[in-house]
């Protein structure tokens, strides 16, 4: 199924890496939700992904039906249920993800600040911009070097290198 590059995207980041078993269970639940997701009784053209054993992504191509406030509320409630069921936190906006070589890690704000001060995270470290709005941004502006992200506005004075 093809999705427009303008399809809306919601990225939920787990506070910890998921196991292979958790990913399989999540994919099953996410795919079922996407297949049944409606807005004002209209089926949404939706799909879900798990990336890097850490990110749960919902995608809606609004060419046939747009996501409404109620349908977005349904997705948020669904994700809160996922949190409870899998023992993860998906709504901590002060948990920052970054790459350490090939591994995707995350850290709470205070730890992220220490990593910046120590130089373990620098201007070229890949960070994740979970604020992307559409599929094109997900593919081009989600994984970016620290210096090209929104992160310097919050942490710029802490970067060691």
N, C-alpha and C. Protein backbone atom coordinates (compact mmCIF):
# COMPACT_ATOMS: atom_id res chain seq x y z
N UNK A 1 0.85 -1.18 0.00
CA UNK A 1 0.00 0.00 0.00
C UNK A 1 0.89 1.25 0.00
N UNK A 2 0.68 2.14 -0.94
CA UNK A 2 1.46 3.37 -1.05
C UNK A 2 0.89 4.45 -0.13
N UNK A 3 1.77 5.21 0.49
CA UNK A 3 1.39 6.32 1.35
C UNK A 3 2.02 7.60 0.82
N UNK A 4 1.26 8.65 0.80
CA UNK A 4 1.75 9.96 0.36
C UNK A 4 2.85 10.44 1.30
N UNK A 5 3.81 11.19 0.74
CA UNK A 5 4.86 11.77 1.59
C UNK A 5 4.29 12.80 2.55
N UNK A 6 3.05 13.22 2.32
CA UNK A 6 2.40 14.18 3.21
C UNK A 6 1.55 13.49 4.28
N UNK A 7 1.61 12.17 4.35
CA UNK A 7 0.88 11.43 5.38
C UNK A 7 1.32 11.89 6.75
N UNK A 8 0.35 12.04 7.65
CA UNK A 8 0.67 12.47 9.01
C UNK A 8 1.37 11.37 9.78
N UNK A 9 2.26 11.79 10.67
CA UNK A 9 3.08 10.86 11.43
C UNK A 9 3.07 11.23 12.91
N UNK A 10 2.99 10.21 13.75
CA UNK A 10 3.16 10.38 15.19
C UNK A 10 4.22 9.40 15.64
N UNK A 11 5.26 9.92 16.29
CA UNK A 11 6.37 9.09 16.76
C UNK A 11 6.31 9.01 18.27
N UNK A 12 6.27 7.80 18.78
CA UNK A 12 6.30 7.55 20.22
C UNK A 12 7.60 6.82 20.53
N UNK A 13 8.36 7.36 21.46
CA UNK A 13 9.66 6.80 21.80
C UNK A 13 9.59 6.10 23.14
N UNK A 14 10.00 4.85 23.15
CA UNK A 14 10.07 4.09 24.39
C UNK A 14 11.26 4.57 25.22
N UNK A 15 11.10 4.53 26.52
CA UNK A 15 12.19 4.93 27.41
C UNK A 15 13.26 3.85 27.53
N UNK A 16 13.01 2.69 26.94
CA UNK A 16 14.03 1.63 26.96
C UNK A 16 13.92 0.80 25.70
N UNK A 17 15.01 0.14 25.36
CA UNK A 17 15.02 -0.72 24.19
C UNK A 17 14.07 -1.89 24.42
N UNK A 18 13.34 -2.25 23.38
CA UNK A 18 12.39 -3.34 23.45
C UNK A 18 13.07 -4.64 23.06
N UNK A 19 12.60 -5.73 23.63
CA UNK A 19 13.11 -7.05 23.25
C UNK A 19 12.47 -7.46 21.92
N UNK A 20 13.07 -8.47 21.28
CA UNK A 20 12.49 -8.99 20.03
C UNK A 20 11.06 -9.47 20.27
N UNK A 21 10.83 -10.11 21.40
CA UNK A 21 9.49 -10.61 21.74
C UNK A 21 8.51 -9.44 21.91
N UNK A 22 8.94 -8.38 22.58
CA UNK A 22 8.09 -7.20 22.74
C UNK A 22 7.77 -6.57 21.39
N UNK A 23 8.77 -6.48 20.50
CA UNK A 23 8.55 -5.89 19.18
C UNK A 23 7.49 -6.68 18.42
N UNK A 24 7.58 -8.01 18.45
CA UNK A 24 6.58 -8.84 17.76
C UNK A 24 5.19 -8.61 18.34
N UNK A 25 5.10 -8.57 19.67
CA UNK A 25 3.81 -8.32 20.31
C UNK A 25 3.27 -6.94 19.98
N UNK A 26 4.15 -5.95 19.97
CA UNK A 26 3.74 -4.58 19.65
C UNK A 26 3.29 -4.47 18.20
N UNK A 27 4.03 -5.08 17.28
CA UNK A 27 3.64 -5.02 15.87
C UNK A 27 2.26 -5.62 15.66
N UNK A 28 1.98 -6.71 16.34
CA UNK A 28 0.67 -7.33 16.23
C UNK A 28 -0.42 -6.37 16.72
N UNK A 29 -0.21 -5.78 17.87
CA UNK A 29 -1.19 -4.84 18.44
C UNK A 29 -1.31 -3.58 17.58
N UNK A 30 -0.17 -3.04 17.13
CA UNK A 30 -0.17 -1.81 16.32
C UNK A 30 -0.87 -2.03 14.98
N UNK A 31 -0.58 -3.16 14.33
CA UNK A 31 -1.19 -3.45 13.03
C UNK A 31 -2.70 -3.63 13.17
N UNK A 32 -3.13 -4.26 14.24
CA UNK A 32 -4.57 -4.43 14.48
C UNK A 32 -5.22 -3.06 14.69
N UNK A 33 -4.57 -2.21 15.50
CA UNK A 33 -5.11 -0.87 15.74
C UNK A 33 -5.20 -0.09 14.42
N UNK A 34 -4.13 -0.09 13.63
CA UNK A 34 -4.10 0.67 12.37
C UNK A 34 -5.20 0.18 11.42
N UNK A 35 -5.42 -1.14 11.38
CA UNK A 35 -6.44 -1.70 10.48
C UNK A 35 -7.85 -1.32 10.90
N UNK A 36 -8.05 -1.05 12.19
CA UNK A 36 -9.39 -0.74 12.71
C UNK A 36 -9.60 0.74 13.01
N UNK A 37 -8.58 1.56 12.81
CA UNK A 37 -8.61 2.97 13.19
C UNK A 37 -9.57 3.73 12.28
N UNK A 38 -10.51 4.44 12.89
CA UNK A 38 -11.49 5.21 12.13
C UNK A 38 -11.55 6.64 12.64
N UNK A 39 -12.10 7.51 11.78
CA UNK A 39 -12.40 8.90 12.13
C UNK A 39 -13.81 9.17 11.64
N UNK A 40 -14.70 9.47 12.56
CA UNK A 40 -16.11 9.72 12.20
C UNK A 40 -16.67 8.59 11.34
N UNK A 41 -16.41 7.37 11.78
CA UNK A 41 -16.89 6.15 11.12
C UNK A 41 -16.33 5.93 9.72
N UNK A 42 -15.27 6.63 9.37
CA UNK A 42 -14.58 6.40 8.11
C UNK A 42 -13.25 5.70 8.41
N UNK A 43 -12.98 4.65 7.68
CA UNK A 43 -11.72 3.92 7.85
C UNK A 43 -10.55 4.82 7.48
N UNK A 44 -9.55 4.88 8.34
CA UNK A 44 -8.34 5.63 8.03
C UNK A 44 -7.37 4.72 7.28
N UNK A 45 -6.69 5.30 6.31
CA UNK A 45 -5.61 4.58 5.62
C UNK A 45 -4.39 4.75 6.53
N UNK A 46 -4.15 3.75 7.36
CA UNK A 46 -3.13 3.87 8.40
C UNK A 46 -2.22 2.65 8.41
N UNK A 47 -1.03 2.88 8.90
CA UNK A 47 -0.09 1.78 9.14
C UNK A 47 0.75 2.14 10.36
N UNK A 48 1.42 1.13 10.88
CA UNK A 48 2.24 1.32 12.07
C UNK A 48 3.57 0.62 11.87
N UNK A 49 4.58 1.14 12.53
CA UNK A 49 5.93 0.58 12.44
C UNK A 49 6.58 0.61 13.82
N UNK A 50 7.53 -0.27 14.01
CA UNK A 50 8.45 -0.19 15.15
C UNK A 50 9.84 -0.08 14.54
N UNK A 51 10.57 0.96 14.90
CA UNK A 51 11.93 1.14 14.37
C UNK A 51 12.93 1.11 15.51
N UNK A 52 14.04 0.46 15.24
CA UNK A 52 15.19 0.41 16.15
C UNK A 52 14.83 -0.13 17.54
N UNK A 53 13.80 -0.95 17.62
CA UNK A 53 13.37 -1.53 18.90
C UNK A 53 13.09 -0.45 19.95
N UNK A 54 12.71 0.75 19.49
CA UNK A 54 12.52 1.85 20.43
C UNK A 54 11.39 2.80 20.03
N UNK A 55 11.11 2.94 18.75
CA UNK A 55 10.15 3.93 18.28
C UNK A 55 8.91 3.26 17.71
N UNK A 56 7.75 3.67 18.20
CA UNK A 56 6.47 3.21 17.67
C UNK A 56 5.93 4.36 16.83
N UNK A 57 5.62 4.07 15.58
CA UNK A 57 5.25 5.12 14.64
C UNK A 57 3.89 4.80 14.02
N UNK A 58 2.98 5.77 14.10
CA UNK A 58 1.68 5.67 13.44
C UNK A 58 1.69 6.61 12.24
N UNK A 59 1.17 6.14 11.11
CA UNK A 59 1.16 6.92 9.88
C UNK A 59 -0.26 6.88 9.31
N UNK A 60 -0.78 8.05 8.95
CA UNK A 60 -2.11 8.14 8.35
C UNK A 60 -2.02 8.94 7.07
N UNK A 61 -2.43 8.30 5.97
CA UNK A 61 -2.55 9.01 4.69
C UNK A 61 -3.96 9.59 4.66
N UNK A 62 -4.05 10.91 4.74
CA UNK A 62 -5.35 11.55 4.86
C UNK A 62 -6.03 11.80 3.51
N UNK A 63 -5.55 11.16 2.45
CA UNK A 63 -6.16 11.37 1.13
C UNK A 63 -7.58 10.84 1.06
N UNK A 64 -7.91 9.81 1.86
CA UNK A 64 -9.27 9.29 1.82
C UNK A 64 -10.09 9.68 3.04
N UNK A 65 -9.47 9.91 4.17
CA UNK A 65 -10.16 10.38 5.38
C UNK A 65 -9.12 10.98 6.31
N UNK A 66 -9.43 12.13 6.87
CA UNK A 66 -8.49 12.81 7.75
C UNK A 66 -8.62 12.36 9.19
N UNK A 67 -7.51 12.37 9.89
CA UNK A 67 -7.52 12.05 11.32
C UNK A 67 -8.17 13.22 12.06
N UNK A 68 -9.18 12.93 12.84
CA UNK A 68 -9.89 13.95 13.60
C UNK A 68 -9.38 13.97 15.04
N UNK A 69 -9.84 14.95 15.78
CA UNK A 69 -9.47 15.02 17.20
C UNK A 69 -9.83 13.75 17.94
N UNK A 70 -11.02 13.23 17.66
CA UNK A 70 -11.46 11.99 18.33
C UNK A 70 -10.59 10.80 17.94
N UNK A 71 -10.22 10.73 16.66
CA UNK A 71 -9.39 9.59 16.23
C UNK A 71 -7.98 9.70 16.81
N UNK A 72 -7.48 10.92 16.93
CA UNK A 72 -6.17 11.11 17.55
C UNK A 72 -6.24 10.74 19.03
N UNK A 73 -7.34 11.11 19.69
CA UNK A 73 -7.54 10.70 21.09
C UNK A 73 -7.54 9.18 21.22
N UNK A 74 -8.17 8.51 20.25
CA UNK A 74 -8.18 7.04 20.26
C UNK A 74 -6.75 6.50 20.22
N UNK A 75 -5.91 7.11 19.38
CA UNK A 75 -4.54 6.63 19.26
C UNK A 75 -3.75 6.88 20.55
N UNK A 76 -3.97 8.04 21.17
CA UNK A 76 -3.29 8.35 22.43
C UNK A 76 -3.72 7.35 23.51
N UNK A 77 -5.01 7.09 23.61
CA UNK A 77 -5.50 6.12 24.60
C UNK A 77 -4.95 4.73 24.31
N UNK A 78 -4.87 4.38 23.03
CA UNK A 78 -4.29 3.09 22.65
C UNK A 78 -2.83 3.01 23.11
N UNK A 79 -2.07 4.08 22.87
CA UNK A 79 -0.65 4.10 23.26
C UNK A 79 -0.49 4.06 24.79
N UNK A 80 -1.40 4.69 25.51
CA UNK A 80 -1.34 4.61 26.97
C UNK A 80 -1.59 3.17 27.44
N UNK A 81 -2.47 2.47 26.75
CA UNK A 81 -2.68 1.05 27.05
C UNK A 81 -1.44 0.23 26.75
N UNK A 82 -0.77 0.55 25.66
CA UNK A 82 0.49 -0.13 25.30
C UNK A 82 1.52 0.08 26.41
N UNK A 83 1.60 1.31 26.91
CA UNK A 83 2.53 1.61 28.02
C UNK A 83 2.29 0.66 29.19
N UNK A 84 1.03 0.57 29.60
CA UNK A 84 0.69 -0.28 30.75
C UNK A 84 1.00 -1.74 30.46
N UNK A 85 0.58 -2.20 29.29
CA UNK A 85 0.74 -3.61 28.94
C UNK A 85 2.21 -4.02 28.83
N UNK A 86 3.05 -3.14 28.29
CA UNK A 86 4.44 -3.51 28.03
C UNK A 86 5.43 -2.92 29.05
N UNK A 87 4.93 -2.14 30.02
CA UNK A 87 5.80 -1.60 31.06
C UNK A 87 6.83 -0.62 30.53
N UNK A 88 6.40 0.22 29.58
CA UNK A 88 7.29 1.22 28.99
C UNK A 88 6.66 2.60 29.13
N UNK A 89 7.48 3.63 28.93
CA UNK A 89 6.99 5.01 28.95
C UNK A 89 7.15 5.56 27.54
N UNK A 90 6.03 5.99 26.95
CA UNK A 90 6.05 6.53 25.59
C UNK A 90 5.80 8.03 25.54
N UNK A 91 5.55 8.64 26.70
CA UNK A 91 5.14 10.04 26.70
C UNK A 91 6.11 10.96 27.44
N UNK A 92 7.31 10.50 27.74
CA UNK A 92 8.30 11.34 28.41
C UNK A 92 9.05 12.15 27.36
N UNK A 93 8.68 13.41 27.21
CA UNK A 93 9.29 14.28 26.19
C UNK A 93 10.68 14.76 26.59
N UNK A 94 11.11 14.42 27.81
CA UNK A 94 12.45 14.80 28.25
C UNK A 94 13.37 13.58 28.32
N UNK A 95 13.06 12.59 27.50
CA UNK A 95 13.91 11.43 27.30
C UNK A 95 14.39 11.54 25.84
N UNK A 96 15.67 11.74 25.65
CA UNK A 96 16.22 12.07 24.34
C UNK A 96 16.96 10.87 23.75
N UNK A 97 16.67 10.59 22.49
CA UNK A 97 17.31 9.46 21.81
C UNK A 97 18.44 9.96 20.92
N UNK A 98 19.48 9.14 20.84
CA UNK A 98 20.65 9.47 20.03
C UNK A 98 21.33 8.18 19.62
N UNK A 99 22.22 8.29 18.64
CA UNK A 99 23.00 7.14 18.19
C UNK A 99 24.37 7.15 18.85
N UNK A 100 24.78 5.99 19.31
CA UNK A 100 26.14 5.77 19.77
C UNK A 100 26.67 4.66 18.86
N UNK A 101 27.36 5.08 17.82
CA UNK A 101 27.76 4.21 16.71
C UNK A 101 26.48 3.65 16.08
N UNK A 102 26.31 2.34 16.08
CA UNK A 102 25.12 1.75 15.44
C UNK A 102 23.95 1.56 16.41
N UNK A 103 24.19 1.80 17.69
CA UNK A 103 23.16 1.56 18.70
C UNK A 103 22.35 2.83 18.95
N UNK A 104 21.04 2.67 19.09
CA UNK A 104 20.18 3.79 19.45
C UNK A 104 19.94 3.71 20.95
N UNK A 105 20.31 4.79 21.64
CA UNK A 105 20.17 4.87 23.09
C UNK A 105 19.28 6.06 23.43
N UNK A 106 18.86 6.12 24.67
CA UNK A 106 18.14 7.30 25.13
C UNK A 106 18.59 7.62 26.54
N UNK A 107 18.36 8.88 26.90
CA UNK A 107 18.78 9.35 28.22
C UNK A 107 17.81 10.41 28.69
N UNK A 108 17.53 10.42 30.00
CA UNK A 108 16.73 11.52 30.54
C UNK A 108 17.52 12.83 30.42
N UNK A 109 16.84 13.93 30.51
CA UNK A 109 17.45 15.23 30.26
C UNK A 109 18.75 15.45 31.02
N UNK A 110 18.78 15.16 32.30
CA UNK A 110 19.99 15.42 33.10
C UNK A 110 21.17 14.59 32.60
N UNK A 111 20.92 13.33 32.26
CA UNK A 111 21.99 12.47 31.74
C UNK A 111 22.41 12.94 30.34
N UNK A 112 21.46 13.35 29.52
CA UNK A 112 21.75 13.85 28.18
C UNK A 112 22.66 15.09 28.29
N UNK A 113 22.36 15.96 29.24
CA UNK A 113 23.19 17.16 29.47
C UNK A 113 24.61 16.77 29.85
N UNK A 114 24.76 15.78 30.70
CA UNK A 114 26.10 15.32 31.11
C UNK A 114 26.85 14.72 29.91
N UNK A 115 26.15 13.98 29.06
CA UNK A 115 26.78 13.42 27.87
C UNK A 115 27.27 14.53 26.94
N UNK A 116 26.51 15.61 26.85
CA UNK A 116 26.92 16.76 26.04
C UNK A 116 28.15 17.43 26.65
N UNK A 117 28.12 17.68 27.95
CA UNK A 117 29.24 18.35 28.62
C UNK A 117 30.52 17.54 28.50
N UNK A 118 30.40 16.21 28.58
CA UNK A 118 31.59 15.34 28.54
C UNK A 118 32.09 15.12 27.12
N UNK A 119 31.30 15.51 26.11
CA UNK A 119 31.71 15.32 24.73
C UNK A 119 31.30 13.97 24.16
N UNK A 120 30.63 13.13 24.93
CA UNK A 120 30.17 11.83 24.40
C UNK A 120 29.08 12.03 23.35
N UNK A 121 28.34 13.13 23.47
CA UNK A 121 27.42 13.57 22.42
C UNK A 121 27.95 14.90 21.94
N UNK A 122 28.16 15.00 20.62
CA UNK A 122 28.70 16.23 20.04
C UNK A 122 27.82 16.74 18.92
N UNK A 123 28.32 17.74 18.22
CA UNK A 123 27.53 18.40 17.18
C UNK A 123 27.18 17.47 16.02
N UNK A 124 27.98 16.42 15.82
CA UNK A 124 27.71 15.49 14.71
C UNK A 124 27.00 14.21 15.15
N UNK A 125 26.73 14.08 16.45
CA UNK A 125 26.00 12.91 16.94
C UNK A 125 24.58 12.93 16.36
N UNK A 126 24.14 11.79 15.87
CA UNK A 126 22.78 11.69 15.33
C UNK A 126 21.79 11.67 16.50
N UNK A 127 20.82 12.56 16.42
CA UNK A 127 19.73 12.62 17.39
C UNK A 127 18.42 12.42 16.65
N UNK A 128 17.36 12.18 17.39
CA UNK A 128 16.06 11.89 16.79
C UNK A 128 15.09 13.01 17.08
N UNK A 129 14.49 13.53 16.02
CA UNK A 129 13.51 14.61 16.11
C UNK A 129 12.11 13.99 16.03
N UNK A 130 11.56 13.64 17.19
CA UNK A 130 10.26 12.98 17.23
C UNK A 130 9.10 13.95 16.99
N UNK A 131 9.42 15.20 16.67
CA UNK A 131 8.39 16.19 16.39
C UNK A 131 8.04 16.25 14.90
N UNK A 132 8.63 15.36 14.09
CA UNK A 132 8.32 15.37 12.66
C UNK A 132 6.81 15.22 12.47
N UNK A 133 6.30 15.85 11.42
CA UNK A 133 4.86 15.92 11.20
C UNK A 133 4.33 15.00 10.10
N UNK A 134 5.19 14.67 9.14
CA UNK A 134 4.70 13.87 8.01
C UNK A 134 5.77 12.86 7.57
N UNK A 135 5.38 12.02 6.63
CA UNK A 135 6.26 10.94 6.18
C UNK A 135 7.54 11.47 5.55
N UNK A 136 7.45 12.55 4.79
CA UNK A 136 8.65 13.13 4.19
C UNK A 136 9.63 13.58 5.28
N UNK A 137 9.14 14.27 6.29
CA UNK A 137 10.00 14.70 7.40
C UNK A 137 10.56 13.49 8.15
N UNK A 138 9.75 12.44 8.32
CA UNK A 138 10.24 11.24 8.99
C UNK A 138 11.45 10.67 8.25
N UNK A 139 11.38 10.69 6.93
CA UNK A 139 12.47 10.13 6.13
C UNK A 139 13.66 11.07 5.98
N UNK A 140 13.47 12.37 6.16
CA UNK A 140 14.56 13.32 5.89
C UNK A 140 15.01 14.15 7.10
N UNK A 141 14.17 14.30 8.11
CA UNK A 141 14.50 15.18 9.23
C UNK A 141 14.34 14.53 10.60
N UNK A 142 14.14 13.23 10.61
CA UNK A 142 13.96 12.54 11.90
C UNK A 142 15.31 12.20 12.52
N UNK A 143 16.20 11.60 11.76
CA UNK A 143 17.54 11.25 12.22
C UNK A 143 18.50 12.27 11.64
N UNK A 144 18.95 13.18 12.47
CA UNK A 144 19.82 14.27 11.98
C UNK A 144 20.96 14.52 12.96
N UNK A 145 22.06 15.12 12.48
CA UNK A 145 23.12 15.51 13.40
C UNK A 145 22.59 16.54 14.41
N UNK A 146 23.09 16.46 15.62
CA UNK A 146 22.69 17.37 16.69
C UNK A 146 22.64 18.81 16.19
N UNK A 147 23.68 19.24 15.46
CA UNK A 147 23.78 20.63 15.02
C UNK A 147 22.67 21.04 14.05
N UNK A 148 22.01 20.06 13.39
CA UNK A 148 20.95 20.36 12.43
C UNK A 148 19.55 20.13 13.01
N UNK A 149 19.48 19.83 14.30
CA UNK A 149 18.20 19.53 14.94
C UNK A 149 17.73 20.73 15.77
N UNK A 150 16.62 20.55 16.45
CA UNK A 150 16.12 21.58 17.36
C UNK A 150 16.87 21.54 18.69
N UNK A 151 17.65 20.51 18.93
CA UNK A 151 18.33 20.31 20.22
C UNK A 151 19.25 21.47 20.63
N UNK A 152 20.00 22.10 19.71
CA UNK A 152 20.86 23.21 20.13
C UNK A 152 20.11 24.36 20.79
N UNK A 153 18.85 24.57 20.41
CA UNK A 153 18.06 25.63 21.05
C UNK A 153 17.89 25.36 22.53
N UNK A 154 17.86 24.07 22.91
CA UNK A 154 17.70 23.70 24.31
C UNK A 154 19.04 23.45 25.01
N UNK A 155 19.99 22.89 24.28
CA UNK A 155 21.24 22.42 24.90
C UNK A 155 22.50 23.04 24.31
N UNK A 156 22.38 23.97 23.36
CA UNK A 156 23.53 24.46 22.60
C UNK A 156 24.73 24.90 23.41
N UNK A 157 24.49 25.51 24.57
CA UNK A 157 25.61 26.00 25.37
C UNK A 157 26.34 24.88 26.11
N UNK A 158 25.85 23.65 26.03
CA UNK A 158 26.46 22.53 26.76
C UNK A 158 27.37 21.67 25.87
N UNK A 159 27.34 21.90 24.56
CA UNK A 159 28.09 21.04 23.64
C UNK A 159 29.58 21.30 23.82
N UNK A 160 30.31 20.19 24.09
CA UNK A 160 31.75 20.30 24.35
C UNK A 160 32.55 20.46 23.06
N UNK A 161 32.08 19.84 21.97
CA UNK A 161 32.86 19.92 20.72
C UNK A 161 32.01 20.36 19.57
